[in-house]
Protein backbone atom coordinates (compact mmCIF):
# COMPACT_ATOMS: atom_id res chain seq x y z
CA MET A 1 -18.00 -9.85 8.36
CA LYS A 2 -21.13 -7.43 9.53
CA LEU A 3 -23.14 -6.49 6.39
CA SER A 4 -24.95 -3.14 5.53
CA ASN A 5 -26.34 -1.96 2.78
CA VAL A 6 -24.90 -4.61 0.17
CA PHE A 7 -24.70 -2.86 -2.79
CA PHE A 8 -25.31 -4.09 -6.74
CA LEU A 9 -23.17 -2.48 -9.35
CA LEU A 10 -22.98 -3.48 -13.20
CA ILE A 11 -20.46 -2.09 -15.48
CA PHE A 12 -21.03 -2.86 -19.30
CA ASN A 13 -18.86 -3.19 -21.76
CA VAL A 14 -18.66 -4.09 -25.26
CA SER A 15 -19.59 -7.72 -24.76
CA PHE A 16 -19.97 -8.66 -21.27
CA SER A 17 -21.19 -7.08 -18.33
CA GLN A 18 -19.29 -6.82 -14.92
CA GLU A 19 -21.52 -7.61 -11.73
CA PHE A 20 -19.21 -6.20 -8.41
CA LYS A 21 -21.37 -6.77 -4.90
CA ILE A 22 -19.67 -4.35 -2.44
CA SER A 23 -20.53 -4.63 1.33
CA THR A 24 -18.87 -2.46 4.86
CA LEU A 25 -16.70 -4.60 6.94
CA THR A 26 -17.80 -4.27 10.72
CA LEU A 27 -15.89 -4.73 13.65
CA ASN A 28 -17.60 -7.30 16.34
CA SER A 29 -16.35 -4.82 18.81
CA SER A 30 -17.83 -1.68 20.80
CA ASN A 31 -13.92 -0.74 22.04
CA ILE A 32 -12.69 -0.14 18.94
CA ILE A 33 -13.39 2.81 17.03
CA LEU A 34 -11.54 3.00 13.24
CA GLU A 35 -10.70 6.50 12.14
CA GLU A 36 -8.78 7.36 8.84
CA ILE A 37 -7.97 3.72 7.68
CA SER A 38 -5.16 4.52 5.63
CA GLY A 39 -3.56 1.09 5.18
CA ILE A 40 -5.19 -3.06 4.77
CA GLY A 41 -3.32 -6.55 4.34
CA ILE A 42 -4.61 -9.83 3.67
CA ASN A 43 -2.45 -12.72 4.81
CA SER A 44 -2.37 -15.83 4.25
CA ASP A 45 -5.46 -17.01 6.83
CA ASP A 46 -6.99 -14.08 5.24
CA ASP A 47 -6.96 -12.62 8.06
CA ILE A 48 -7.32 -8.61 8.25
CA ILE A 49 -4.74 -6.61 9.21
CA ILE A 50 -6.40 -2.93 9.53
CA PHE A 51 -3.62 0.05 10.45
CA HIS A 52 -5.97 3.38 11.25
CA ARG A 53 -5.21 6.55 12.58
CA GLY A 54 -6.61 6.35 16.11
CA ASN A 55 -6.33 4.62 19.05
CA ASN A 56 -5.86 0.60 18.37
CA ALA A 57 -3.69 1.77 15.18
CA LEU A 58 -2.71 -1.45 14.21
CA ILE A 59 -5.55 -4.66 14.75
CA LYS A 60 -5.91 -8.35 12.73
CA VAL A 61 -9.67 -9.32 12.13
CA ASP A 62 -10.99 -11.94 10.54
CA LYS A 63 -12.84 -12.28 7.38
CA ASP A 64 -16.26 -11.81 10.31
CA GLY A 65 -14.97 -8.67 11.87
CA ASN A 66 -14.27 -10.84 14.97
CA ILE A 67 -10.48 -8.75 16.71
CA LEU A 68 -8.56 -11.34 16.48
CA LYS A 69 -5.08 -9.54 17.58
CA VAL A 70 -4.56 -5.48 18.59
CA PHE A 71 -1.18 -4.60 18.42
CA ASN A 72 1.05 -2.38 20.43
CA ASP A 73 0.00 0.97 19.76
CA ASP A 74 2.77 3.13 21.00
CA VAL A 75 5.21 2.56 18.25
CA PHE A 76 2.53 4.27 15.51
CA SER A 77 2.17 8.07 15.90
CA ASN A 78 0.34 8.48 11.37
CA SER A 79 -0.31 5.38 10.22
CA HIS A 80 0.72 5.16 5.88
CA GLY A 81 0.97 2.26 4.91
CA LEU A 82 0.59 -1.17 5.30
CA LYS A 83 1.96 -4.85 3.41
CA ILE A 84 2.47 -8.05 4.36
CA ASP A 85 5.35 -10.57 2.80
CA ARG A 86 5.46 -14.11 1.92
CA TYR A 87 6.24 -15.12 5.92
CA ASP A 88 3.03 -13.02 7.40
CA ASN A 89 5.24 -10.66 8.41
CA ILE A 90 3.99 -7.02 8.84
CA TRP A 91 5.88 -3.86 7.42
CA THR A 92 4.68 -0.64 8.43
CA THR A 93 5.07 3.09 7.32
CA ASP A 94 4.52 6.09 9.34
CA LEU A 95 4.85 9.75 7.62
CA ASN A 96 5.15 11.48 12.02
CA THR A 97 7.89 8.60 13.36
CA HIS A 98 9.59 8.64 9.19
CA LEU A 99 9.69 4.56 10.40
CA VAL A 100 9.32 2.16 8.45
CA LEU A 101 8.96 -1.20 10.54
CA LYS A 102 9.30 -4.98 10.19
CA LEU A 103 6.57 -6.96 12.97
CA ASP A 104 5.84 -10.64 12.64
CA LYS A 105 2.92 -12.14 12.63
CA ILE A 106 2.16 -11.62 17.00
CA GLY A 107 3.58 -7.74 17.12
CA ASN A 108 6.97 -8.35 17.57
CA ILE A 109 9.49 -5.56 16.04
CA LYS A 110 11.70 -7.79 14.13
CA MET A 111 13.80 -4.50 11.44
CA VAL A 112 13.99 -0.72 12.39
CA LEU A 113 14.42 1.36 9.17
CA GLY A 114 14.98 5.37 9.93
CA LYS A 115 15.67 6.53 13.19
CA ASN A 116 12.35 8.18 14.89
CA TYR A 117 11.08 11.20 14.58
CA THR A 118 14.01 12.05 12.36
CA PRO A 119 13.44 12.97 8.66
CA GLY A 120 15.98 13.20 5.81
CA THR A 121 18.08 10.99 3.72
CA TRP A 122 21.63 9.93 5.65
CA LEU A 123 22.22 9.66 8.79
CA VAL A 124 25.65 9.87 8.89
CA ASP A 125 26.76 12.83 6.25
CA SER A 126 29.26 11.58 3.94
CA LEU A 127 31.84 14.28 4.30
CA GLN A 128 31.70 13.09 7.90
CA SER A 129 31.72 9.73 8.30
CA ASN A 130 32.33 9.49 12.42
CA GLY A 131 34.36 5.70 11.59
CA PHE A 132 30.99 4.20 9.28
CA SER A 133 33.14 2.90 6.26
CA ASP A 134 29.40 2.74 4.41
CA TRP A 135 27.59 5.57 5.16
CA LYS A 136 24.84 4.56 3.61
CA SER A 137 24.19 2.08 5.93
CA MET A 138 22.42 4.72 7.70
CA SER A 139 19.08 4.82 6.09
CA LEU A 140 16.53 8.29 7.04
CA PHE A 141 13.32 9.08 4.97
CA ASN A 142 11.30 11.78 5.31
CA LYS A 143 7.70 10.69 5.14
CA PRO A 144 7.80 6.76 3.75
CA ALA A 145 4.89 5.85 1.54
CA ASP A 146 4.54 2.10 0.66
CA ILE A 147 7.10 -1.25 0.91
CA SER A 148 7.33 -4.17 -1.37
CA PHE A 149 9.82 -7.55 -1.94
CA ASP A 150 10.96 -8.23 -4.79
CA SER A 151 11.60 -12.87 -4.89
CA ASP A 152 14.79 -12.39 -3.21
CA ASP A 153 13.78 -10.54 -0.11
CA ASN A 154 14.68 -7.69 -0.72
CA ILE A 155 12.96 -4.70 0.84
CA TYR A 156 11.56 -1.29 -1.69
CA VAL A 157 10.95 1.69 0.06
CA ALA A 158 8.83 4.04 -2.04
CA ASP A 159 10.40 7.39 0.51
CA GLY A 160 7.00 9.41 -0.98
CA TYR A 161 6.25 12.49 0.43
CA GLY A 162 9.61 14.35 1.02
CA ASN A 163 12.71 12.26 -0.95
CA ASN A 164 10.67 11.06 -3.75
CA ARG A 165 12.87 8.38 -4.32
CA ILE A 166 12.65 4.60 -4.57
CA VAL A 167 15.22 2.69 -1.88
CA LYS A 168 16.17 -0.87 -1.96
CA PHE A 169 17.44 -2.71 0.96
CA ASN A 170 18.52 -6.69 1.21
CA SER A 171 16.48 -8.68 3.48
CA GLU A 172 18.76 -8.10 6.09
CA GLY A 173 18.30 -4.31 6.44
CA LYS A 174 21.57 -3.34 4.24
CA PHE A 175 20.93 -0.42 2.30
CA ILE A 176 22.03 -1.85 -1.69
CA LEU A 177 20.73 1.08 -4.15
CA GLU A 178 18.23 3.99 -4.60
CA TRP A 179 16.82 6.05 -7.49
CA GLY A 180 14.59 8.53 -8.39
CA THR A 181 14.31 12.69 -7.52
CA LYS A 182 11.08 15.05 -7.63
CA GLY A 183 10.61 15.55 -11.31
CA ASN A 184 7.98 14.02 -14.62
CA ASN A 185 10.90 12.51 -16.50
CA LYS A 186 11.37 9.14 -16.81
CA GLY A 187 12.70 8.31 -13.43
CA GLU A 188 11.16 10.96 -11.38
CA PHE A 189 8.90 11.05 -9.25
CA ASN A 190 5.99 13.25 -7.79
CA LEU A 191 5.24 11.75 -5.03
CA PRO A 192 5.74 8.12 -5.10
CA HIS A 193 2.60 6.81 -3.20
CA GLY A 194 2.39 3.17 -3.73
CA ILE A 195 4.89 0.48 -4.49
CA THR A 196 4.35 -3.32 -5.94
CA ILE A 197 6.13 -6.42 -7.28
CA ASP A 198 4.85 -8.73 -10.07
CA ASN A 199 6.26 -12.76 -10.49
CA ASN A 200 9.28 -11.22 -12.88
CA ASP A 201 10.19 -8.91 -10.26
CA ILE A 202 9.24 -6.10 -12.05
CA ILE A 203 8.39 -3.25 -9.58
CA TYR A 204 5.50 -0.81 -9.87
CA VAL A 205 5.33 2.62 -8.61
CA ALA A 206 2.54 4.18 -8.25
CA ASP A 207 3.79 7.96 -8.95
CA ARG A 208 0.55 10.17 -7.51
CA GLU A 209 1.12 13.25 -8.44
CA ASN A 210 2.29 12.56 -12.03
CA ALA A 211 -0.72 10.51 -12.68
CA ARG A 212 0.91 7.80 -13.87
CA ILE A 213 2.46 4.44 -13.08
CA GLN A 214 5.93 3.92 -13.34
CA LEU A 215 7.35 0.57 -13.85
CA PHE A 216 11.57 -0.25 -13.29
CA ASP A 217 13.43 -3.17 -12.85
CA THR A 218 15.34 -4.32 -9.61
CA ASN A 219 17.76 -2.13 -10.00
CA GLY A 220 16.06 1.02 -10.58
CA ASN A 221 16.25 0.65 -14.48
CA PHE A 222 13.60 2.46 -15.63
CA ILE A 223 11.56 0.48 -18.49
CA ARG A 224 8.22 2.14 -19.05
CA TYR A 225 5.63 4.26 -17.70
CA TRP A 226 2.04 3.88 -18.12
CA GLU A 227 -0.32 7.35 -18.38
CA ASN A 228 -3.81 7.54 -18.17
CA VAL A 229 -4.66 5.63 -15.51
CA GLY A 230 -5.58 8.22 -13.31
CA TYR A 231 -3.88 9.21 -9.13
CA PRO A 232 -2.72 5.81 -8.33
CA TYR A 233 -3.23 5.87 -4.30
CA GLY A 234 -2.98 2.12 -3.09
CA ILE A 235 -1.28 -0.65 -5.71
CA LYS A 236 -1.47 -4.24 -5.69
CA TYR A 237 0.13 -6.82 -8.19
CA PHE A 238 -2.33 -9.66 -7.97
CA ASN A 239 -2.51 -13.13 -10.28
CA GLY A 240 -1.38 -11.68 -13.26
CA PHE A 241 -3.02 -8.32 -12.98
CA ILE A 242 -2.59 -4.67 -11.07
CA TYR A 243 -4.83 -2.92 -8.68
CA ILE A 244 -4.97 0.09 -7.91
CA SER A 245 -7.17 3.14 -5.94
CA ASP A 246 -7.37 6.13 -7.61
CA ALA A 247 -8.54 8.73 -5.11
CA ARG A 248 -8.84 11.60 -6.65
CA ASN A 249 -12.25 10.12 -9.28
CA GLU A 250 -12.74 7.64 -6.44
CA LYS A 251 -12.43 4.86 -8.38
CA ILE A 252 -10.93 1.13 -8.07
CA LYS A 253 -9.72 0.18 -11.21
CA LYS A 254 -8.27 -3.12 -12.85
CA ILE A 255 -5.26 -3.16 -15.47
CA ASN A 256 -3.60 -5.54 -17.57
CA LEU A 257 -0.05 -5.93 -17.82
CA LYS A 258 0.12 -3.50 -20.74
CA GLY A 259 -1.29 -0.51 -18.93
CA GLU A 260 -4.67 -1.04 -20.23
CA ILE A 261 -7.83 -0.22 -17.67
CA LEU A 262 -10.05 -3.31 -18.10
CA TRP A 263 -12.60 -2.30 -15.38
CA GLU A 264 -13.38 0.56 -12.89
CA VAL A 265 -16.08 0.75 -10.02
CA GLY A 266 -16.50 3.62 -7.29
CA SER A 267 -17.69 7.25 -6.81
CA PRO A 268 -16.96 10.12 -4.84
CA GLY A 269 -19.52 9.85 -1.29
CA LYS A 270 -20.40 7.92 1.74
CA SER A 271 -23.08 5.57 0.47
CA GLU A 272 -22.10 1.25 -0.44
CA GLY A 273 -19.65 1.51 -3.86
CA GLN A 274 -19.18 5.38 -2.90
CA PHE A 275 -15.61 5.96 -1.60
CA GLY A 276 -13.96 8.87 0.94
CA TRP A 277 -10.37 9.07 -0.49
CA ALA A 278 -10.06 4.82 -1.13
CA HIS A 279 -6.56 4.74 0.18
CA GLY A 280 -4.44 0.93 0.70
CA LEU A 281 -6.07 -2.16 -0.90
CA ASP A 282 -5.43 -5.95 -0.65
CA ILE A 283 -7.08 -8.91 -2.43
CA ASP A 284 -7.56 -12.41 -0.05
CA SER A 285 -7.05 -16.05 -1.54
CA ASP A 286 -10.62 -15.84 -3.39
CA GLY A 287 -9.43 -12.65 -4.96
CA ASN A 288 -12.35 -9.90 -2.67
CA ILE A 289 -10.49 -6.70 -2.88
CA TYR A 290 -10.55 -4.17 0.32
CA VAL A 291 -10.03 -1.59 0.40
CA SER A 292 -9.70 1.32 3.12
CA GLU A 293 -10.82 4.81 2.96
CA ILE A 294 -9.21 8.25 4.86
CA LEU A 295 -12.30 10.24 4.61
CA ASN A 296 -15.05 8.12 5.90
CA TRP A 297 -13.32 5.53 7.96
CA ARG A 298 -14.30 2.73 6.77
CA ILE A 299 -13.43 -0.46 4.68
CA GLN A 300 -15.44 -2.21 1.79
CA LYS A 301 -15.18 -5.36 0.22
CA ILE A 302 -15.50 -5.52 -3.54
CA LYS A 303 -16.73 -9.02 -4.53
CA ILE A 304 -16.87 -9.71 -8.73
CA ASN A 305 -19.33 -12.13 -9.06
CA ASN A 306 -18.60 -12.81 -13.06
CA GLU A 307 -14.54 -11.37 -13.38
CA ILE A 308 -13.89 -12.21 -17.29
CA ASN A 309 -10.00 -10.72 -17.83
């Protein structure tokens, strides 16, 4: 990784200081220019998958910024969410095509959810099933934002911008259930922008415009919500904690499973340690946090030198 203007920051708490070392990931290539970077994922080899809104929208690099793979660019129009499952499959959401795609590690498309450039809720109307025994087997999305997976490899789509719902499929892409509608009551959403699932299959939804995180079980039953966490954009469960990007306040936050913020770092701006629409985030095997930025067209790495939980 090429480092530019490495930035150190101390966050002082009641009993300790938290030290962050923040640096920018620079690609070792003059042929690829990263533009608005919406998504980022880390695979089991700690390689970094980057999803951005320019040419060569989906690429894989190593931790030193060397290009390892450039994926098929023709299937992406307006990148948004990116997740890596436990088998190193790559999952994407696209705001223009309204698709959720599953790609294997070498880029073969293994599953398509939705219909290309067709926003909606269901492809087949319930009153005109056209011979389909289960009309809900033909799901559409309206600007899907993110995806995640439970311990049985069921798929959860945060169908965020247009439909304000969560849609659950089995591992083969068969519809199971949906929940949510637009609103601010329990179980309602105002742009479910991110989704992550912990080791106990508790689902955490970044309910962005309601400025909260909602918790559900795998049947869509509401458990509780956390307020006073800012405006969650990206969300990630890792080693017993929840990490979010709050792009309104330009901070990365670590939250325990009681909903308490343990630390936060960042501010608006263009310098190291500052963010411009901190959007996606993922964490490598050493606990380093990688954050993608929409406005600053870059990725920053946050290394925590004296983590105390």
